[in-house]
């Protein structure tokens, strides 16, 4: 927790003590991480998992994806933090089409 907040009891009283601080680059972020499953056709939220930010975000949460056969061959979209052979195999095993964003690398720009 930044010193300016910990030192001031008035600011500390307004903070959610269950949420946590995480540093990304030079910026501090306070809060939670959401994993949400949305039905593309009906625009409904089908599942949600809320975690504290410091939990490793590269661990793909399959609990939020439906297990019913009715969702077979549906696309599972995710950002590049989830790109790995292991996650793609888990999605394919559960009959989802993995649509994971590609990572950009130095001297290899994305198309």
C-alpha atoms as a PDB file:
ATOM      1  CA  UNK A   1       0.000   0.000   0.000  1.00  0.00           C
ATOM      2  CA  UNK A   2       1.424   3.438  -0.858  1.00  0.00           C
ATOM      3  CA  UNK A   3       2.664   5.456   2.126  1.00  0.00           C
ATOM      4  CA  UNK A   4       0.361   8.411   1.396  1.00  0.00           C
ATOM      5  CA  UNK A   5      -2.686   6.172   1.870  1.00  0.00           C
ATOM      6  CA  UNK A   6      -1.437   4.100   4.819  1.00  0.00           C
ATOM      7  CA  UNK A   7      -0.494   7.259   6.719  1.00  0.00           C
ATOM      8  CA  UNK A   8      -3.922   8.897   6.336  1.00  0.00           C
ATOM      9  CA  UNK A   9      -6.716   7.199   8.343  1.00  0.00           C
ATOM     10  CA  UNK A  10      -9.419   9.160   6.491  1.00  0.00           C
ATOM     11  CA  UNK A  11      -8.321   7.823   3.115  1.00  0.00           C
ATOM     12  CA  UNK A  12      -7.770   4.349   4.542  1.00  0.00           C
ATOM     13  CA  UNK A  13     -11.353   4.277   5.863  1.00  0.00           C
ATOM     14  CA  UNK A  14     -12.675   4.626   2.309  1.00  0.00           C
ATOM     15  CA  UNK A  15     -10.562   1.814   0.844  1.00  0.00           C
ATOM     16  CA  UNK A  16     -11.745  -1.749   0.317  1.00  0.00           C
ATOM     17  CA  UNK A  17      -9.337  -3.748   2.455  1.00  0.00           C
ATOM     18  CA  UNK A  18     -10.127  -7.001   0.611  1.00  0.00           C
ATOM     19  CA  UNK A  19      -8.775  -5.602  -2.662  1.00  0.00           C
ATOM     20  CA  UNK A  20      -5.031  -5.525  -3.210  1.00  0.00           C
ATOM     21  CA  UNK A  21      -2.359  -3.367  -4.804  1.00  0.00           C
ATOM     22  CA  UNK A  22      -0.471  -4.535  -7.867  1.00  0.00           C
ATOM     23  CA  UNK A  23       2.318  -2.817  -9.739  1.00  0.00           C
ATOM     24  CA  UNK A  24       2.354  -2.863 -13.533  1.00  0.00           C
ATOM     25  CA  UNK A  25       5.340  -1.055 -14.937  1.00  0.00           C
ATOM     26  CA  UNK A  26       5.662   2.155 -12.918  1.00  0.00           C
ATOM     27  CA  UNK A  27       1.938   2.384 -12.076  1.00  0.00           C
ATOM     28  CA  UNK A  28       0.157   1.085  -8.992  1.00  0.00           C
ATOM     29  CA  UNK A  29      -3.319  -0.395  -9.469  1.00  0.00           C
ATOM     30  CA  UNK A  30      -5.823  -1.156  -6.723  1.00  0.00           C
ATOM     31  CA  UNK A  31      -8.678  -3.590  -7.023  1.00  0.00           C
ATOM     32  CA  UNK A  32      -9.727  -6.966  -8.317  1.00  0.00           C
ATOM     33  CA  UNK A  33      -9.420  -9.024 -11.501  1.00  0.00           C
ATOM     34  CA  UNK A  34     -12.595 -10.155 -13.272  1.00  0.00           C
ATOM     35  CA  UNK A  35     -12.958 -13.268 -15.434  1.00  0.00           C
ATOM     36  CA  UNK A  36     -16.291 -13.119 -17.266  1.00  0.00           C
ATOM     37  CA  UNK A  37     -18.051 -15.433 -19.723  1.00  0.00           C
ATOM     38  CA  UNK A  38     -20.521 -13.704 -22.039  1.00  0.00           C
ATOM     39  CA  UNK A  39     -23.003 -15.338 -24.401  1.00  0.00           C
ATOM     40  CA  UNK A  40     -22.325 -13.767 -27.806  1.00  0.00           C
ATOM     41  CA  UNK A  41     -25.810 -14.422 -29.191  1.00  0.00           C
ATOM     42  CA  UNK A  42     -27.934 -13.241 -26.247  1.00  0.00           C
ATOM     43  CA  UNK A  43     -25.419 -10.807 -24.677  1.00  0.00           C
ATOM     44  CA  UNK A  44     -25.873 -12.404 -21.245  1.00  0.00           C
ATOM     45  CA  UNK A  45     -23.232 -12.998 -18.601  1.00  0.00           C
ATOM     46  CA  UNK A  46     -23.006 -16.783 -18.168  1.00  0.00           C
ATOM     47  CA  UNK A  47     -20.303 -16.918 -15.514  1.00  0.00           C
ATOM     48  CA  UNK A  48     -17.978 -14.702 -13.491  1.00  0.00           C
ATOM     49  CA  UNK A  49     -15.047 -15.194 -11.137  1.00  0.00           C
ATOM     50  CA  UNK A  50     -13.659 -12.300  -9.085  1.00  0.00           C
ATOM     51  CA  UNK A  51     -10.087 -12.504  -7.793  1.00  0.00           C
ATOM     52  CA  UNK A  52      -7.639 -10.236  -6.070  1.00  0.00           C
ATOM     53  CA  UNK A  53      -5.177  -8.677  -8.506  1.00  0.00           C
ATOM     54  CA  UNK A  54      -2.047 -10.362  -7.166  1.00  0.00           C
ATOM     55  CA  UNK A  55      -3.230 -13.823  -8.208  1.00  0.00           C
ATOM     56  CA  UNK A  56      -1.249 -14.920 -11.264  1.00  0.00           C
ATOM     57  CA  UNK A  57      -3.361 -13.726 -14.196  1.00  0.00           C
ATOM     58  CA  UNK A  58      -1.764 -16.122 -16.662  1.00  0.00           C
ATOM     59  CA  UNK A  59      -3.552 -19.017 -14.947  1.00  0.00           C
ATOM     60  CA  UNK A  60      -6.572 -19.410 -17.171  1.00  0.00           C
ATOM     61  CA  UNK A  61      -9.736 -19.933 -15.155  1.00  0.00           C
ATOM     62  CA  UNK A  62     -11.709 -22.724 -16.834  1.00  0.00           C
ATOM     63  CA  UNK A  63     -14.265 -22.637 -14.005  1.00  0.00           C
ATOM     64  CA  UNK A  64     -15.877 -19.624 -15.628  1.00  0.00           C
ATOM     65  CA  UNK A  65     -16.474 -21.475 -18.917  1.00  0.00           C
ATOM     66  CA  UNK A  66     -19.655 -23.553 -19.221  1.00  0.00           C
ATOM     67  CA  UNK A  67     -19.194 -27.322 -19.399  1.00  0.00           C
ATOM     68  CA  UNK A  68     -22.469 -28.083 -21.203  1.00  0.00           C
ATOM     69  CA  UNK A  69     -22.341 -29.746 -24.603  1.00  0.00           C
ATOM     70  CA  UNK A  70     -24.638 -27.010 -25.942  1.00  0.00           C
ATOM     71  CA  UNK A  71     -21.643 -24.681 -25.952  1.00  0.00           C
ATOM     72  CA  UNK A  72     -19.450 -27.012 -28.009  1.00  0.00           C
ATOM     73  CA  UNK A  73     -17.450 -25.381 -30.800  1.00  0.00           C
ATOM     74  CA  UNK A  74     -17.947 -21.905 -29.305  1.00  0.00           C
ATOM     75  CA  UNK A  75     -15.042 -19.466 -29.427  1.00  0.00           C
ATOM     76  CA  UNK A  76     -13.186 -18.645 -26.207  1.00  0.00           C
ATOM     77  CA  UNK A  77     -11.599 -15.187 -26.538  1.00  0.00           C
ATOM     78  CA  UNK A  78      -8.700 -14.173 -24.288  1.00  0.00           C
ATOM     79  CA  UNK A  79      -5.905 -11.634 -24.283  1.00  0.00           C
ATOM     80  CA  UNK A  80      -2.251 -12.458 -24.924  1.00  0.00           C
ATOM     81  CA  UNK A  81      -1.521 -13.171 -21.234  1.00  0.00           C
ATOM     82  CA  UNK A  82      -3.255 -16.514 -21.762  1.00  0.00           C
ATOM     83  CA  UNK A  83      -1.286 -17.641 -24.824  1.00  0.00           C
ATOM     84  CA  UNK A  84       0.258 -21.039 -24.147  1.00  0.00           C
ATOM     85  CA  UNK A  85       0.035 -24.537 -25.567  1.00  0.00           C
ATOM     86  CA  UNK A  86      -1.310 -25.814 -22.221  1.00  0.00           C
ATOM     87  CA  UNK A  87      -4.251 -23.396 -22.194  1.00  0.00           C
ATOM     88  CA  UNK A  88      -5.054 -24.068 -25.853  1.00  0.00           C
ATOM     89  CA  UNK A  89      -5.036 -27.818 -25.127  1.00  0.00           C
ATOM     90  CA  UNK A  90      -7.407 -27.345 -22.166  1.00  0.00           C
ATOM     91  CA  UNK A  91      -9.789 -25.290 -24.302  1.00  0.00           C
ATOM     92  CA  UNK A  92      -9.687 -27.808 -27.147  1.00  0.00           C
ATOM     93  CA  UNK A  93     -10.289 -30.640 -24.675  1.00  0.00           C
ATOM     94  CA  UNK A  94     -13.449 -28.861 -23.500  1.00  0.00           C
ATOM     95  CA  UNK A  95     -14.506 -28.424 -27.171  1.00  0.00           C
ATOM     96  CA  UNK A  96     -13.899 -24.653 -27.316  1.00  0.00           C
ATOM     97  CA  UNK A  97     -12.239 -22.895 -30.232  1.00  0.00           C
ATOM     98  CA  UNK A  98      -9.281 -21.010 -28.671  1.00  0.00           C
ATOM     99  CA  UNK A  99      -9.229 -17.407 -29.934  1.00  0.00           C
ATOM    100  CA  UNK A 100      -6.266 -16.054 -27.968  1.00  0.00           C
ATOM    101  CA  UNK A 101      -4.617 -12.782 -29.029  1.00  0.00           C
ATOM    102  CA  UNK A 102      -1.084 -13.044 -30.301  1.00  0.00           C
ATOM    103  CA  UNK A 103       1.816 -11.607 -28.356  1.00  0.00           C
ATOM    104  CA  UNK A 104       3.940  -8.875 -29.851  1.00  0.00           C
ATOM    105  CA  UNK A 105       7.692  -9.245 -29.551  1.00  0.00           C
ATOM    106  CA  UNK A 106      10.575  -6.869 -30.059  1.00  0.00           C
ATOM    107  CA  UNK A 107      11.478  -6.599 -33.771  1.00  0.00           C
ATOM    108  CA  UNK A 108       8.442  -8.767 -34.647  1.00  0.00           C
ATOM    109  CA  UNK A 109       5.413  -6.465 -34.887  1.00  0.00           C
ATOM    110  CA  UNK A 110       1.906  -7.915 -35.016  1.00  0.00           C
ATOM    111  CA  UNK A 111       0.218  -7.916 -38.396  1.00  0.00           C
END
